[in-house]
Every structure is written in C-alpha cells, then in structure tokens.
All heavy atoms as atom14 arrays in JSON, in Angstrom:
{
  "sequence": "NYSAAMRFLREVDSASVMVNASTRFADGFEYGLGAEIGISTDKI",
  "atom14_mask": [
    [1, 1, 1, 1, 1, 1, 1, 1, 0, 0, 0, 0, 0, 0],
    [1, 1, 1, 1, 1, 1, 1, 1, 1, 1, 1, 1, 0, 0],
    [1, 1, 1, 1, 1, 1, 0, 0, 0, 0, 0, 0, 0, 0],
    [1, 1, 1, 1, 1, 0, 0, 0, 0, 0, 0, 0, 0, 0],
    [1, 1, 1, 1, 1, 0, 0, 0, 0, 0, 0, 0, 0, 0],
    [1, 1, 1, 1, 1, 1, 1, 1, 0, 0, 0, 0, 0, 0],
    [1, 1, 1, 1, 1, 1, 1, 1, 1, 1, 1, 0, 0, 0],
    [1, 1, 1, 1, 1, 1, 1, 1, 1, 1, 1, 0, 0, 0],
    [1, 1, 1, 1, 1, 1, 1, 1, 0, 0, 0, 0, 0, 0],
    [1, 1, 1, 1, 1, 1, 1, 1, 1, 1, 1, 0, 0, 0],
    [1, 1, 1, 1, 1, 1, 1, 1, 1, 0, 0, 0, 0, 0],
    [1, 1, 1, 1, 1, 1, 1, 0, 0, 0, 0, 0, 0, 0],
    [1, 1, 1, 1, 1, 1, 1, 1, 0, 0, 0, 0, 0, 0],
    [1, 1, 1, 1, 1, 1, 0, 0, 0, 0, 0, 0, 0, 0],
    [1, 1, 1, 1, 1, 0, 0, 0, 0, 0, 0, 0, 0, 0],
    [1, 1, 1, 1, 1, 1, 0, 0, 0, 0, 0, 0, 0, 0],
    [1, 1, 1, 1, 1, 1, 1, 0, 0, 0, 0, 0, 0, 0],
    [1, 1, 1, 1, 1, 1, 1, 1, 0, 0, 0, 0, 0, 0],
    [1, 1, 1, 1, 1, 1, 1, 0, 0, 0, 0, 0, 0, 0],
    [1, 1, 1, 1, 1, 1, 1, 1, 0, 0, 0, 0, 0, 0],
    [1, 1, 1, 1, 1, 0, 0, 0, 0, 0, 0, 0, 0, 0],
    [1, 1, 1, 1, 1, 1, 0, 0, 0, 0, 0, 0, 0, 0],
    [1, 1, 1, 1, 1, 1, 1, 0, 0, 0, 0, 0, 0, 0],
    [1, 1, 1, 1, 1, 1, 1, 1, 1, 1, 1, 0, 0, 0],
    [1, 1, 1, 1, 1, 1, 1, 1, 1, 1, 1, 0, 0, 0],
    [1, 1, 1, 1, 1, 0, 0, 0, 0, 0, 0, 0, 0, 0],
    [1, 1, 1, 1, 1, 1, 1, 1, 0, 0, 0, 0, 0, 0],
    [1, 1, 1, 1, 0, 0, 0, 0, 0, 0, 0, 0, 0, 0],
    [1, 1, 1, 1, 1, 1, 1, 1, 1, 1, 1, 0, 0, 0],
    [1, 1, 1, 1, 1, 1, 1, 1, 1, 0, 0, 0, 0, 0],
    [1, 1, 1, 1, 1, 1, 1, 1, 1, 1, 1, 1, 0, 0],
    [1, 1, 1, 1, 0, 0, 0, 0, 0, 0, 0, 0, 0, 0],
    [1, 1, 1, 1, 1, 1, 1, 1, 0, 0, 0, 0, 0, 0],
    [1, 1, 1, 1, 0, 0, 0, 0, 0, 0, 0, 0, 0, 0],
    [1, 1, 1, 1, 1, 0, 0, 0, 0, 0, 0, 0, 0, 0],
    [1, 1, 1, 1, 1, 1, 1, 1, 1, 0, 0, 0, 0, 0],
    [1, 1, 1, 1, 1, 1, 1, 1, 0, 0, 0, 0, 0, 0],
    [1, 1, 1, 1, 0, 0, 0, 0, 0, 0, 0, 0, 0, 0],
    [1, 1, 1, 1, 1, 1, 1, 1, 0, 0, 0, 0, 0, 0],
    [1, 1, 1, 1, 1, 1, 0, 0, 0, 0, 0, 0, 0, 0],
    [1, 1, 1, 1, 1, 1, 1, 0, 0, 0, 0, 0, 0, 0],
    [1, 1, 1, 1, 1, 1, 1, 1, 0, 0, 0, 0, 0, 0],
    [1, 1, 1, 1, 1, 1, 1, 1, 1, 0, 0, 0, 0, 0],
    [1, 1, 1, 1, 1, 1, 1, 1, 0, 0, 0, 0, 0, 0]
  ],
  "atom14_positions": [
    [[1.84, 17.66, -3.76], [0.7, 18.34, -3.14], [0.18, 17.48, -1.98], [-0.32, 16.37, -2.19], [-0.39, 18.55, -4.19], [-1.58, 19.34, -3.66], [-2.16, 18.98, -2.64], [-1.94, 20.4, -4.36], [0.0, 0.0, 0.0], [0.0, 0.0, 0.0], [0.0, 0.0, 0.0], [0.0, 0.0, 0.0], [0.0, 0.0, 0.0], [0.0, 0.0, 0.0]],
    [[0.3, 18.0, -0.76], [-0.09, 17.23, 0.43], [-1.56, 16.85, 0.4], [-1.93, 15.7, 0.68], [0.21, 18.05, 1.69], [-0.25, 17.39, 2.97], [0.52, 16.43, 3.61], [-1.47, 17.74, 3.55], [0.1, 15.82, 4.78], [-1.91, 17.14, 4.72], [-1.12, 16.19, 5.33], [-1.56, 15.59, 6.49], [0.0, 0.0, 0.0], [0.0, 0.0, 0.0]],
    [[-2.42, 17.8, 0.04], [-3.86, 17.53, 0.04], [-4.21, 16.45, -0.98], [-5.04, 15.57, -0.71], [-4.64, 18.81, -0.27], [-4.43, 19.76, 0.75], [0.0, 0.0, 0.0], [0.0, 0.0, 0.0], [0.0, 0.0, 0.0], [0.0, 0.0, 0.0], [0.0, 0.0, 0.0], [0.0, 0.0, 0.0], [0.0, 0.0, 0.0], [0.0, 0.0, 0.0]],
    [[-3.58, 16.5, -2.16], [-3.83, 15.47, -3.17], [-3.36, 14.11, -2.68], [-4.05, 13.09, -2.87], [-3.12, 15.84, -4.47], [0.0, 0.0, 0.0], [0.0, 0.0, 0.0], [0.0, 0.0, 0.0], [0.0, 0.0, 0.0], [0.0, 0.0, 0.0], [0.0, 0.0, 0.0], [0.0, 0.0, 0.0], [0.0, 0.0, 0.0], [0.0, 0.0, 0.0]],
    [[-2.21, 14.07, -2.04], [-1.69, 12.8, -1.51], [-2.64, 12.22, -0.48], [-2.95, 11.01, -0.5], [-0.31, 13.03, -0.89], [0.0, 0.0, 0.0], [0.0, 0.0, 0.0], [0.0, 0.0, 0.0], [0.0, 0.0, 0.0], [0.0, 0.0, 0.0], [0.0, 0.0, 0.0], [0.0, 0.0, 0.0], [0.0, 0.0, 0.0], [0.0, 0.0, 0.0]],
    [[-3.13, 13.05, 0.44], [-4.04, 12.56, 1.49], [-5.36, 12.1, 0.89], [-5.94, 11.1, 1.32], [-4.28, 13.66, 2.52], [-3.08, 13.99, 3.39], [-2.44, 12.56, 4.33], [-1.0, 12.14, 3.34], [0.0, 0.0, 0.0], [0.0, 0.0, 0.0], [0.0, 0.0, 0.0], [0.0, 0.0, 0.0], [0.0, 0.0, 0.0], [0.0, 0.0, 0.0]],
    [[-5.86, 12.81, -0.12], [-7.1, 12.39, -0.76], [-6.92, 11.04, -1.45], [-7.78, 10.16, -1.36], [-7.55, 13.44, -1.79], [-8.85, 13.06, -2.48], [-9.28, 14.08, -3.52], [-10.48, 13.61, -4.21], [-11.01, 14.21, -5.28], [-10.45, 15.31, -5.77], [-12.09, 13.71, -5.84], [0.0, 0.0, 0.0], [0.0, 0.0, 0.0], [0.0, 0.0, 0.0]],
    [[-5.8, 10.86, -2.12], [-5.51, 9.59, -2.8], [-5.45, 8.45, -1.78], [-6.03, 7.38, -1.99], [-4.18, 9.73, -3.55], [-3.92, 8.64, -4.54], [-4.42, 8.72, -5.83], [-3.13, 7.54, -4.21], [-4.16, 7.73, -6.77], [-2.85, 6.55, -5.14], [-3.38, 6.64, -6.42], [0.0, 0.0, 0.0], [0.0, 0.0, 0.0], [0.0, 0.0, 0.0]],
    [[-4.78, 8.68, -0.66], [-4.67, 7.65, 0.38], [-6.05, 7.27, 0.92], [-6.32, 6.09, 1.17], [-3.78, 8.13, 1.52], [-2.29, 8.28, 1.22], [-1.57, 8.89, 2.43], [-1.65, 6.93, 0.87], [0.0, 0.0, 0.0], [0.0, 0.0, 0.0], [0.0, 0.0, 0.0], [0.0, 0.0, 0.0], [0.0, 0.0, 0.0], [0.0, 0.0, 0.0]],
    [[-6.9, 8.26, 1.12], [-8.22, 8.01, 1.69], [-9.16, 7.32, 0.71], [-9.91, 6.41, 1.09], [-8.87, 9.33, 2.14], [-8.32, 9.91, 3.41], [-9.27, 11.02, 3.92], [-9.59, 11.99, 2.87], [-8.88, 13.09, 2.62], [-7.81, 13.36, 3.34], [-9.25, 13.93, 1.66], [0.0, 0.0, 0.0], [0.0, 0.0, 0.0], [0.0, 0.0, 0.0]],
    [[-9.14, 7.74, -0.55], [-10.21, 7.37, -1.48], [-9.9, 6.19, -2.38], [-10.83, 5.57, -2.91], [-10.61, 8.58, -2.33], [-11.2, 9.72, -1.5], [-11.67, 10.88, -2.36], [-11.95, 10.67, -3.57], [-11.75, 12.01, -1.82], [0.0, 0.0, 0.0], [0.0, 0.0, 0.0], [0.0, 0.0, 0.0], [0.0, 0.0, 0.0], [0.0, 0.0, 0.0]],
    [[-8.64, 5.86, -2.6], [-8.32, 4.7, -3.44], [-8.57, 3.44, -2.62], [-8.0, 3.25, -1.54], [-6.87, 4.76, -3.95], [-6.48, 3.44, -4.6], [-6.72, 5.9, -4.94], [0.0, 0.0, 0.0], [0.0, 0.0, 0.0], [0.0, 0.0, 0.0], [0.0, 0.0, 0.0], [0.0, 0.0, 0.0], [0.0, 0.0, 0.0], [0.0, 0.0, 0.0]],
    [[-9.42, 2.57, -3.15], [-9.88, 1.39, -2.41], [-8.97, 0.2, -2.7], [-9.36, -0.76, -3.36], [-11.33, 1.08, -2.81], [-11.93, -0.07, -2.01], [-11.39, -0.38, -0.93], [-12.93, -0.66, -2.48], [0.0, 0.0, 0.0], [0.0, 0.0, 0.0], [0.0, 0.0, 0.0], [0.0, 0.0, 0.0], [0.0, 0.0, 0.0], [0.0, 0.0, 0.0]],
    [[-7.73, 0.27, -2.21], [-6.77, -0.79, -2.46], [-6.08, -1.21, -1.17], [-6.06, -0.46, -0.19], [-5.73, -0.35, -3.49], [-6.35, -0.12, -4.74], [0.0, 0.0, 0.0], [0.0, 0.0, 0.0], [0.0, 0.0, 0.0], [0.0, 0.0, 0.0], [0.0, 0.0, 0.0], [0.0, 0.0, 0.0], [0.0, 0.0, 0.0], [0.0, 0.0, 0.0]],
    [[-5.5, -2.4, -1.2], [-4.86, -2.95, -0.01], [-3.6, -2.17, 0.37], [-3.27, -2.05, 1.55], [-4.51, -4.43, -0.23], [0.0, 0.0, 0.0], [0.0, 0.0, 0.0], [0.0, 0.0, 0.0], [0.0, 0.0, 0.0], [0.0, 0.0, 0.0], [0.0, 0.0, 0.0], [0.0, 0.0, 0.0], [0.0, 0.0, 0.0], [0.0, 0.0, 0.0]],
    [[-2.87, -1.67, -0.63], [-1.71, -0.81, -0.39], [-1.85, 0.43, -1.27], [-2.1, 0.32, -2.47], [-0.41, -1.52, -0.75], [-0.11, -2.55, 0.17], [0.0, 0.0, 0.0], [0.0, 0.0, 0.0], [0.0, 0.0, 0.0], [0.0, 0.0, 0.0], [0.0, 0.0, 0.0], [0.0, 0.0, 0.0], [0.0, 0.0, 0.0], [0.0, 0.0, 0.0]],
    [[-1.7, 1.59, -0.66], [-1.77, 2.86, -1.39], [-0.51, 3.65, -1.06], [-0.14, 3.78, 0.11], [-3.04, 3.66, -1.02], [-3.16, 4.89, -1.91], [-4.29, 2.8, -1.16], [0.0, 0.0, 0.0], [0.0, 0.0, 0.0], [0.0, 0.0, 0.0], [0.0, 0.0, 0.0], [0.0, 0.0, 0.0], [0.0, 0.0, 0.0], [0.0, 0.0, 0.0]],
    [[0.15, 4.18, -2.09], [1.48, 4.76, -1.92], [1.56, 6.18, -2.43], [0.85, 6.55, -3.38], [2.51, 3.9, -2.67], [2.51, 2.44, -2.24], [3.76, 1.49, -3.08], [3.69, -0.04, -2.13], [0.0, 0.0, 0.0], [0.0, 0.0, 0.0], [0.0, 0.0, 0.0], [0.0, 0.0, 0.0], [0.0, 0.0, 0.0], [0.0, 0.0, 0.0]],
    [[2.43, 6.95, -1.82], [2.71, 8.31, -2.25], [4.2, 8.41, -2.57], [5.05, 8.11, -1.71], [2.34, 9.34, -1.16], [2.72, 10.75, -1.61], [0.85, 9.27, -0.84], [0.0, 0.0, 0.0], [0.0, 0.0, 0.0], [0.0, 0.0, 0.0], [0.0, 0.0, 0.0], [0.0, 0.0, 0.0], [0.0, 0.0, 0.0], [0.0, 0.0, 0.0]],
    [[4.52, 8.78, -3.8], [5.91, 8.99, -4.23], [6.81, 7.77, -3.96], [7.94, 7.9, -3.48], [6.49, 10.24, -3.56], [5.76, 11.51, -3.97], [5.21, 11.59, -5.06], [5.74, 12.5, -3.08], [0.0, 0.0, 0.0], [0.0, 0.0, 0.0], [0.0, 0.0, 0.0], [0.0, 0.0, 0.0], [0.0, 0.0, 0.0], [0.0, 0.0, 0.0]],
    [[6.3, 6.6, -4.27], [7.08, 5.37, -4.13], [6.57, 4.35, -5.15], [5.41, 4.38, -5.56], [6.96, 4.81, -2.71], [0.0, 0.0, 0.0], [0.0, 0.0, 0.0], [0.0, 0.0, 0.0], [0.0, 0.0, 0.0], [0.0, 0.0, 0.0], [0.0, 0.0, 0.0], [0.0, 0.0, 0.0], [0.0, 0.0, 0.0], [0.0, 0.0, 0.0]],
    [[7.45, 3.45, -5.53], [7.11, 2.44, -6.53], [6.17, 1.39, -5.97], [6.3, 0.97, -4.81], [8.4, 1.76, -7.02], [8.12, 0.61, -7.79], [0.0, 0.0, 0.0], [0.0, 0.0, 0.0], [0.0, 0.0, 0.0], [0.0, 0.0, 0.0], [0.0, 0.0, 0.0], [0.0, 0.0, 0.0], [0.0, 0.0, 0.0], [0.0, 0.0, 0.0]],
    [[5.24, 0.93, -6.8], [4.34, -0.15, -6.4], [5.1, -1.44, -6.08], [4.57, -2.31, -5.39], [3.32, -0.46, -7.51], [4.02, -0.84, -8.72], [2.44, 0.75, -7.79], [0.0, 0.0, 0.0], [0.0, 0.0, 0.0], [0.0, 0.0, 0.0], [0.0, 0.0, 0.0], [0.0, 0.0, 0.0], [0.0, 0.0, 0.0], [0.0, 0.0, 0.0]],
    [[6.33, -1.56, -6.55], [7.13, -2.76, -6.3], [7.44, -2.94, -4.81], [7.87, -4.01, -4.38], [8.42, -2.71, -7.11], [8.22, -2.85, -8.59], [7.98, -4.31, -9.0], [9.19, -5.08, -8.79], [9.27, -6.19, -8.07], [8.2, -6.68, -7.48], [10.41, -6.83, -7.92], [0.0, 0.0, 0.0], [0.0, 0.0, 0.0], [0.0, 0.0, 0.0]],
    [[7.23, -1.9, -4.0], [7.45, -2.03, -2.56], [6.35, -2.81, -1.85], [6.48, -3.12, -0.67], [7.58, -0.65, -1.91], [8.93, 0.0, -2.09], [9.07, 1.13, -2.88], [10.05, -0.53, -1.48], [10.31, 1.73, -3.06], [11.3, 0.06, -1.64], [11.43, 1.19, -2.43], [0.0, 0.0, 0.0], [0.0, 0.0, 0.0], [0.0, 0.0, 0.0]],
    [[5.26, -3.12, -2.54], [4.14, -3.86, -1.91], [4.55, -5.32, -1.74], [4.22, -6.19, -2.54], [2.88, -3.74, -2.75], [0.0, 0.0, 0.0], [0.0, 0.0, 0.0], [0.0, 0.0, 0.0], [0.0, 0.0, 0.0], [0.0, 0.0, 0.0], [0.0, 0.0, 0.0], [0.0, 0.0, 0.0], [0.0, 0.0, 0.0], [0.0, 0.0, 0.0]],
    [[5.25, -5.57, -0.67], [5.86, -6.88, -0.44], [6.13, -7.01, 1.06], [6.57, -6.05, 1.7], [7.17, -6.95, -1.25], [7.97, -8.2, -0.98], [7.71, -9.2, -1.66], [8.84, -8.17, -0.1], [0.0, 0.0, 0.0], [0.0, 0.0, 0.0], [0.0, 0.0, 0.0], [0.0, 0.0, 0.0], [0.0, 0.0, 0.0], [0.0, 0.0, 0.0]],
    [[5.86, -8.21, 1.6], [6.05, -8.4, 3.04], [7.46, -8.14, 3.5], [7.7, -7.59, 4.58], [0.0, 0.0, 0.0], [0.0, 0.0, 0.0], [0.0, 0.0, 0.0], [0.0, 0.0, 0.0], [0.0, 0.0, 0.0], [0.0, 0.0, 0.0], [0.0, 0.0, 0.0], [0.0, 0.0, 0.0], [0.0, 0.0, 0.0], [0.0, 0.0, 0.0]],
    [[8.45, -8.54, 2.7], [9.85, -8.32, 3.04], [10.13, -6.83, 3.14], [10.73, -6.35, 4.11], [10.74, -8.98, 1.98], [12.21, -8.97, 2.3], [12.77, -9.98, 3.07], [13.04, -7.97, 1.83], [14.13, -9.98, 3.37], [14.4, -7.96, 2.11], [14.94, -8.97, 2.89], [0.0, 0.0, 0.0], [0.0, 0.0, 0.0], [0.0, 0.0, 0.0]],
    [[9.67, -6.05, 2.15], [9.9, -4.61, 2.15], [9.11, -3.9, 3.25], [9.52, -2.84, 3.72], [9.53, -4.02, 0.78], [10.42, -4.49, -0.36], [11.83, -3.93, -0.3], [12.07, -2.99, 0.49], [12.7, -4.43, -1.04], [0.0, 0.0, 0.0], [0.0, 0.0, 0.0], [0.0, 0.0, 0.0], [0.0, 0.0, 0.0], [0.0, 0.0, 0.0]],
    [[7.99, -4.48, 3.66], [7.18, -3.88, 4.72], [7.69, -4.23, 6.12], [7.11, -3.82, 7.12], [5.72, -4.34, 4.6], [4.91, -3.64, 3.52], [5.5, -2.84, 2.56], [3.52, -3.8, 3.48], [4.75, -2.22, 1.57], [2.75, -3.18, 2.49], [3.37, -2.4, 1.55], [2.62, -1.79, 0.57], [0.0, 0.0, 0.0], [0.0, 0.0, 0.0]],
    [[8.75, -5.03, 6.2], [9.3, -5.4, 7.49], [8.59, -6.57, 8.15], [8.74, -6.8, 9.35], [0.0, 0.0, 0.0], [0.0, 0.0, 0.0], [0.0, 0.0, 0.0], [0.0, 0.0, 0.0], [0.0, 0.0, 0.0], [0.0, 0.0, 0.0], [0.0, 0.0, 0.0], [0.0, 0.0, 0.0], [0.0, 0.0, 0.0], [0.0, 0.0, 0.0]],
    [[7.83, -7.34, 7.35], [7.13, -8.5, 7.9], [8.03, -9.74, 7.9], [7.64, -10.79, 8.38], [5.87, -8.81, 7.08], [4.87, -7.67, 6.9], [3.67, -8.14, 6.1], [4.43, -7.1, 8.24], [0.0, 0.0, 0.0], [0.0, 0.0, 0.0], [0.0, 0.0, 0.0], [0.0, 0.0, 0.0], [0.0, 0.0, 0.0], [0.0, 0.0, 0.0]],
    [[9.26, -9.61, 7.37], [10.17, -10.73, 7.27], [9.96, -11.47, 5.97], [10.88, -11.72, 5.22], [0.0, 0.0, 0.0], [0.0, 0.0, 0.0], [0.0, 0.0, 0.0], [0.0, 0.0, 0.0], [0.0, 0.0, 0.0], [0.0, 0.0, 0.0], [0.0, 0.0, 0.0], [0.0, 0.0, 0.0], [0.0, 0.0, 0.0], [0.0, 0.0, 0.0]],
    [[8.76, -11.82, 5.73], [8.33, -12.47, 4.48], [6.82, -12.31, 4.45], [6.23, -11.74, 5.37], [8.75, -13.93, 4.46], [0.0, 0.0, 0.0], [0.0, 0.0, 0.0], [0.0, 0.0, 0.0], [0.0, 0.0, 0.0], [0.0, 0.0, 0.0], [0.0, 0.0, 0.0], [0.0, 0.0, 0.0], [0.0, 0.0, 0.0], [0.0, 0.0, 0.0]],
    [[6.19, -12.81, 3.42], [4.74, -12.74, 3.37], [4.19, -14.08, 2.9], [4.82, -14.8, 2.13], [4.27, -11.63, 2.43], [4.62, -11.91, 0.97], [4.19, -10.81, 0.02], [4.19, -9.65, 0.43], [3.89, -11.13, -1.14], [0.0, 0.0, 0.0], [0.0, 0.0, 0.0], [0.0, 0.0, 0.0], [0.0, 0.0, 0.0], [0.0, 0.0, 0.0]],
    [[3.01, -14.4, 3.4], [2.34, -15.61, 2.95], [1.62, -15.35, 1.64], [1.29, -16.26, 0.88], [1.35, -16.11, 4.02], [1.06, -17.6, 3.87], [0.07, -15.31, 4.02], [2.15, -18.49, 4.35], [0.0, 0.0, 0.0], [0.0, 0.0, 0.0], [0.0, 0.0, 0.0], [0.0, 0.0, 0.0], [0.0, 0.0, 0.0], [0.0, 0.0, 0.0]],
    [[1.37, -14.08, 1.35], [0.65, -13.68, 0.15], [0.13, -12.27, 0.35], [0.4, -11.63, 1.37], [0.0, 0.0, 0.0], [0.0, 0.0, 0.0], [0.0, 0.0, 0.0], [0.0, 0.0, 0.0], [0.0, 0.0, 0.0], [0.0, 0.0, 0.0], [0.0, 0.0, 0.0], [0.0, 0.0, 0.0], [0.0, 0.0, 0.0], [0.0, 0.0, 0.0]],
    [[-0.58, -11.78, -0.64], [-1.2, -10.46, -0.55], [-2.7, -10.64, -0.67], [-3.18, -11.32, -1.57], [-0.67, -9.52, -1.64], [0.81, -9.18, -1.35], [-1.5, -8.26, -1.74], [1.45, -8.27, -2.36], [0.0, 0.0, 0.0], [0.0, 0.0, 0.0], [0.0, 0.0, 0.0], [0.0, 0.0, 0.0], [0.0, 0.0, 0.0], [0.0, 0.0, 0.0]],
    [[-3.42, -10.04, 0.25], [-4.87, -10.17, 0.26], [-5.53, -8.88, -0.17], [-5.17, -7.8, 0.31], [-5.35, -10.55, 1.67], [-6.77, -10.5, 1.74], [0.0, 0.0, 0.0], [0.0, 0.0, 0.0], [0.0, 0.0, 0.0], [0.0, 0.0, 0.0], [0.0, 0.0, 0.0], [0.0, 0.0, 0.0], [0.0, 0.0, 0.0], [0.0, 0.0, 0.0]],
    [[-6.51, -9.0, -1.06], [-7.34, -7.83, -1.41], [-8.71, -7.93, -0.75], [-9.59, -7.14, -1.04], [-7.49, -7.7, -2.93], [-7.96, -8.94, -3.48], [-6.16, -7.36, -3.58], [0.0, 0.0, 0.0], [0.0, 0.0, 0.0], [0.0, 0.0, 0.0], [0.0, 0.0, 0.0], [0.0, 0.0, 0.0], [0.0, 0.0, 0.0], [0.0, 0.0, 0.0]],
    [[-8.87, -8.93, 0.13], [-10.1, -9.03, 0.9], [-10.13, -7.91, 1.94], [-9.11, -7.29, 2.25], [-10.19, -10.38, 1.61], [-10.43, -11.53, 0.65], [-10.98, -11.29, -0.43], [-10.04, -12.67, 0.98], [0.0, 0.0, 0.0], [0.0, 0.0, 0.0], [0.0, 0.0, 0.0], [0.0, 0.0, 0.0], [0.0, 0.0, 0.0], [0.0, 0.0, 0.0]],
    [[-11.3, -7.68, 2.52], [-11.43, -6.62, 3.52], [-11.68, -7.16, 4.93], [-11.72, -6.39, 5.88], [-12.55, -5.66, 3.13], [-12.28, -4.93, 1.82], [-13.35, -3.93, 1.49], [-13.04, -3.22, 0.18], [-14.06, -2.2, -0.16], [0.0, 0.0, 0.0], [0.0, 0.0, 0.0], [0.0, 0.0, 0.0], [0.0, 0.0, 0.0], [0.0, 0.0, 0.0]],
    [[-11.84, -8.45, 5.03], [-12.09, -9.06, 6.34], [-10.88, -9.86, 6.75], [-10.32, -10.63, 5.97], [-13.35, -9.95, 6.29], [-14.59, -9.1, 5.97], [-13.55, -10.7, 7.61], [-15.85, -9.88, 5.8], [0.0, 0.0, 0.0], [0.0, 0.0, 0.0], [0.0, 0.0, 0.0], [0.0, 0.0, 0.0], [0.0, 0.0, 0.0], [0.0, 0.0, 0.0]]
  ]
}
C-alpha cells in the first residue's frame, strides 16, 4: 500500500526507515558510503 508506506516513512522517528527491505541494510557499506564510522540516532 503506497499510502501506508509513505505514512510510515514520514511518521516513524528513526534514523533509517525502510519499505519492503530488511533492517540489515542499515549499514554504510550497503548505503554506498564505502564504510561507516558508526550509526547516529542524534538529530543534529
């Protein structure tokens, strides 16, 4: 459901929000960053 997916993306207050994909993709390598120094849940 497109509308449900868009609502989830907008309203879930997380650093990474996904539609029809595994949470295991939350990784700098998988995001094309080459690597990651870490994952931040800060907002600034």
